[in-house]
C-alpha cells in the first residue's frame, strides 16, 4: 500500500487522515467524528505511522472523494 496525502484510515472508533506526507515523516490528524473533522495533528515517522494503522481500513483520500460520482438516488429527478 502506498501512503498518500489525504488518505483516511479507520481503526476501531478512530480515523487518521494524512495531512502532510514527506519522504521521512507523516503528519496526521486523529479524528473521532468525520463530520466535525476536529482532532489533533501529530507528526511521526513513516514507520511509526505504519505501525499505528496496522490492521486499519483505508476509507478514501481527498482525490477519490472529489472524483467519486454522485449517488443517483440523491440527485433530483430531471423529468
N, C-alpha and C. Protein backbone atom coordinates (compact mmCIF):
# COMPACT_ATOMS: atom_id res chain seq x y z
N UNK A 1 0.84 -1.18 0.00
CA UNK A 1 0.00 0.00 0.00
C UNK A 1 0.88 1.24 0.00
N UNK A 2 0.56 2.18 -0.84
CA UNK A 2 1.31 3.41 -0.94
C UNK A 2 0.60 4.50 -0.14
N UNK A 3 1.32 5.12 0.77
CA UNK A 3 0.75 6.21 1.56
C UNK A 3 0.71 7.48 0.72
N UNK A 4 -0.40 8.20 0.81
CA UNK A 4 -0.56 9.45 0.08
C UNK A 4 -1.24 10.48 0.97
N UNK A 5 -0.98 11.73 0.68
CA UNK A 5 -1.62 12.81 1.41
C UNK A 5 -3.12 12.78 1.15
N UNK A 6 -3.91 12.94 2.20
CA UNK A 6 -5.36 12.96 2.07
C UNK A 6 -6.03 11.63 2.36
N UNK A 7 -5.25 10.55 2.51
CA UNK A 7 -5.86 9.25 2.81
C UNK A 7 -6.50 9.29 4.19
N UNK A 8 -7.60 8.55 4.31
CA UNK A 8 -8.29 8.43 5.59
C UNK A 8 -8.31 6.95 5.98
N UNK A 9 -7.77 6.65 7.15
CA UNK A 9 -7.70 5.28 7.66
C UNK A 9 -8.61 5.17 8.87
N UNK A 10 -9.30 4.04 9.01
CA UNK A 10 -10.17 3.80 10.16
C UNK A 10 -9.65 2.59 10.93
N UNK A 11 -9.47 2.81 12.22
CA UNK A 11 -9.06 1.73 13.12
C UNK A 11 -9.89 1.86 14.38
N UNK A 12 -10.77 0.90 14.59
CA UNK A 12 -11.67 0.98 15.73
C UNK A 12 -12.63 2.13 15.56
N UNK A 13 -12.71 3.00 16.57
CA UNK A 13 -13.59 4.16 16.52
C UNK A 13 -12.85 5.42 16.11
N UNK A 14 -11.60 5.29 15.69
CA UNK A 14 -10.79 6.47 15.39
C UNK A 14 -10.40 6.49 13.91
N UNK A 15 -10.32 7.70 13.38
CA UNK A 15 -9.92 7.90 11.99
C UNK A 15 -8.60 8.65 11.97
N UNK A 16 -7.77 8.35 10.98
CA UNK A 16 -6.48 9.01 10.82
C UNK A 16 -6.41 9.54 9.39
N UNK A 17 -6.29 10.86 9.24
CA UNK A 17 -6.18 11.46 7.92
C UNK A 17 -4.78 12.02 7.74
N UNK A 18 -4.11 11.63 6.66
CA UNK A 18 -2.76 12.12 6.39
C UNK A 18 -2.87 13.57 5.93
N UNK A 19 -2.32 14.47 6.73
CA UNK A 19 -2.37 15.90 6.44
C UNK A 19 -1.18 16.31 5.59
N UNK A 20 -0.01 15.82 5.94
CA UNK A 20 1.20 16.17 5.20
C UNK A 20 2.07 14.93 5.08
N UNK A 21 2.45 14.65 3.86
CA UNK A 21 3.29 13.49 3.57
C UNK A 21 4.63 14.01 3.11
N UNK A 22 5.71 13.52 3.71
CA UNK A 22 7.05 13.85 3.24
C UNK A 22 7.86 12.56 3.18
N UNK A 23 9.05 12.67 2.71
CA UNK A 23 9.86 11.48 2.49
C UNK A 23 10.13 10.69 3.76
N UNK A 24 10.30 11.38 4.86
CA UNK A 24 10.66 10.70 6.10
C UNK A 24 9.61 10.78 7.20
N UNK A 25 8.62 11.67 7.04
CA UNK A 25 7.67 11.87 8.14
C UNK A 25 6.24 11.98 7.61
N UNK A 26 5.32 11.73 8.50
CA UNK A 26 3.90 11.84 8.21
C UNK A 26 3.27 12.73 9.29
N UNK A 27 2.50 13.71 8.86
CA UNK A 27 1.68 14.49 9.79
C UNK A 27 0.26 14.02 9.57
N UNK A 28 -0.38 13.55 10.64
CA UNK A 28 -1.73 13.03 10.51
C UNK A 28 -2.63 13.68 11.55
N UNK A 29 -3.92 13.65 11.25
CA UNK A 29 -4.92 14.20 12.17
C UNK A 29 -5.73 13.04 12.71
N UNK A 30 -5.77 12.91 14.01
CA UNK A 30 -6.57 11.87 14.66
C UNK A 30 -7.97 12.43 14.89
N UNK A 31 -8.98 11.80 14.28
CA UNK A 31 -10.35 12.30 14.30
C UNK A 31 -11.26 11.21 14.86
N UNK A 32 -12.22 11.60 15.69
CA UNK A 32 -13.20 10.62 16.17
C UNK A 32 -14.52 10.76 15.43
N UNK A 33 -14.79 11.92 14.81
CA UNK A 33 -16.02 12.14 14.06
C UNK A 33 -15.68 12.78 12.72
N UNK A 34 -15.93 12.06 11.62
CA UNK A 34 -15.59 12.57 10.30
C UNK A 34 -16.41 13.78 9.89
N UNK A 35 -17.58 13.95 10.46
CA UNK A 35 -18.42 15.10 10.12
C UNK A 35 -17.84 16.38 10.71
N UNK A 36 -17.46 16.33 11.98
CA UNK A 36 -16.90 17.51 12.64
C UNK A 36 -15.47 17.80 12.22
N UNK A 37 -14.72 16.76 11.89
CA UNK A 37 -13.33 16.86 11.44
C UNK A 37 -12.42 17.54 12.46
N UNK A 38 -12.77 17.46 13.72
CA UNK A 38 -11.94 18.05 14.76
C UNK A 38 -11.02 16.99 15.33
N UNK A 39 -9.77 17.37 15.53
CA UNK A 39 -8.83 16.44 16.11
C UNK A 39 -7.46 17.07 16.23
N UNK A 40 -6.55 16.32 16.75
CA UNK A 40 -5.20 16.80 16.96
C UNK A 40 -4.29 16.33 15.83
N UNK A 41 -3.35 17.18 15.44
CA UNK A 41 -2.38 16.83 14.42
C UNK A 41 -1.12 16.32 15.12
N UNK A 42 -0.62 15.19 14.64
CA UNK A 42 0.59 14.57 15.19
C UNK A 42 1.58 14.37 14.06
N UNK A 43 2.86 14.49 14.36
CA UNK A 43 3.88 14.21 13.36
C UNK A 43 4.74 13.05 13.84
N UNK A 44 4.84 12.02 12.99
CA UNK A 44 5.59 10.82 13.32
C UNK A 44 6.38 10.38 12.09
N UNK A 45 7.26 9.41 12.29
CA UNK A 45 7.98 8.85 11.16
C UNK A 45 7.03 7.94 10.39
N UNK A 46 7.40 7.63 9.16
CA UNK A 46 6.56 6.73 8.37
C UNK A 46 6.43 5.37 9.03
N UNK A 47 7.51 4.90 9.62
CA UNK A 47 7.49 3.60 10.28
C UNK A 47 6.50 3.60 11.44
N UNK A 48 6.50 4.67 12.24
CA UNK A 48 5.57 4.77 13.36
C UNK A 48 4.12 4.83 12.86
N UNK A 49 3.89 5.56 11.76
CA UNK A 49 2.54 5.66 11.23
C UNK A 49 2.06 4.31 10.71
N UNK A 50 2.94 3.58 10.05
CA UNK A 50 2.56 2.26 9.54
C UNK A 50 2.21 1.32 10.69
N UNK A 51 2.93 1.41 11.79
CA UNK A 51 2.60 0.61 12.97
C UNK A 51 1.25 1.02 13.55
N UNK A 52 0.98 2.32 13.51
CA UNK A 52 -0.28 2.85 14.04
C UNK A 52 -1.48 2.33 13.25
N UNK A 53 -1.36 2.28 11.93
CA UNK A 53 -2.50 1.89 11.11
C UNK A 53 -2.52 0.40 10.77
N UNK A 54 -1.63 -0.36 11.37
CA UNK A 54 -1.62 -1.81 11.11
C UNK A 54 -2.99 -2.40 11.48
N UNK A 55 -3.61 -3.06 10.53
CA UNK A 55 -4.93 -3.63 10.74
C UNK A 55 -6.06 -2.65 10.47
N UNK A 56 -5.72 -1.41 10.08
CA UNK A 56 -6.75 -0.41 9.80
C UNK A 56 -7.26 -0.56 8.37
N UNK A 57 -8.39 0.07 8.12
CA UNK A 57 -9.03 0.01 6.81
C UNK A 57 -8.88 1.37 6.11
N UNK A 58 -8.42 1.35 4.87
CA UNK A 58 -8.32 2.57 4.08
C UNK A 58 -9.71 2.93 3.57
N UNK A 59 -10.21 4.09 3.97
CA UNK A 59 -11.55 4.51 3.55
C UNK A 59 -11.50 5.26 2.22
N UNK A 60 -10.73 6.32 2.16
CA UNK A 60 -10.69 7.14 0.96
C UNK A 60 -9.54 8.12 1.08
N UNK A 61 -9.38 8.90 0.03
CA UNK A 61 -8.49 10.04 0.12
C UNK A 61 -9.18 11.22 -0.55
N UNK A 62 -8.63 12.40 -0.43
CA UNK A 62 -9.28 13.60 -0.95
C UNK A 62 -9.53 13.49 -2.46
N UNK A 63 -8.60 12.88 -3.19
CA UNK A 63 -8.74 12.75 -4.64
C UNK A 63 -9.91 11.84 -5.00
N UNK A 64 -10.04 10.71 -4.34
CA UNK A 64 -11.13 9.78 -4.67
C UNK A 64 -12.47 10.34 -4.23
N UNK A 65 -12.51 11.10 -3.15
CA UNK A 65 -13.77 11.71 -2.73
C UNK A 65 -14.22 12.76 -3.74
N UNK A 66 -13.28 13.53 -4.29
CA UNK A 66 -13.63 14.57 -5.26
C UNK A 66 -14.04 13.96 -6.60
N UNK A 67 -13.44 12.83 -6.97
CA UNK A 67 -13.71 12.21 -8.26
C UNK A 67 -14.90 11.24 -8.23
N UNK A 68 -15.37 10.91 -7.05
CA UNK A 68 -16.47 9.94 -6.93
C UNK A 68 -17.75 10.51 -7.53
N UNK A 69 -18.44 9.73 -8.35
CA UNK A 69 -19.69 10.21 -8.92
C UNK A 69 -20.77 10.30 -7.84
N UNK A 70 -21.73 11.17 -8.08
CA UNK A 70 -22.83 11.31 -7.12
C UNK A 70 -23.69 10.06 -7.15
N UNK A 71 -24.33 9.81 -6.04
CA UNK A 71 -25.28 8.70 -5.95
C UNK A 71 -26.54 9.10 -6.70
N UNK A 72 -26.97 8.32 -7.71
CA UNK A 72 -28.16 8.69 -8.47
C UNK A 72 -29.41 8.83 -7.61
N UNK A 73 -29.48 8.13 -6.51
CA UNK A 73 -30.64 8.21 -5.62
C UNK A 73 -30.73 9.58 -4.95
N UNK A 74 -29.57 10.26 -4.79
CA UNK A 74 -29.57 11.56 -4.15
C UNK A 74 -29.79 12.70 -5.12
N UNK A 75 -29.64 12.47 -6.43
CA UNK A 75 -29.80 13.51 -7.43
C UNK A 75 -31.28 13.79 -7.66
N UNK A 76 -31.62 15.06 -7.95
CA UNK A 76 -33.02 15.35 -8.24
C UNK A 76 -33.42 14.71 -9.57
N UNK A 77 -34.67 14.36 -9.68
CA UNK A 77 -35.19 13.72 -10.89
C UNK A 77 -35.26 14.77 -12.02
N UNK A 78 -34.58 14.52 -13.16
CA UNK A 78 -34.55 15.52 -14.23
C UNK A 78 -35.89 15.71 -14.94
N UNK A 79 -36.85 14.81 -14.78
CA UNK A 79 -38.11 14.93 -15.51
C UNK A 79 -39.14 15.78 -14.82
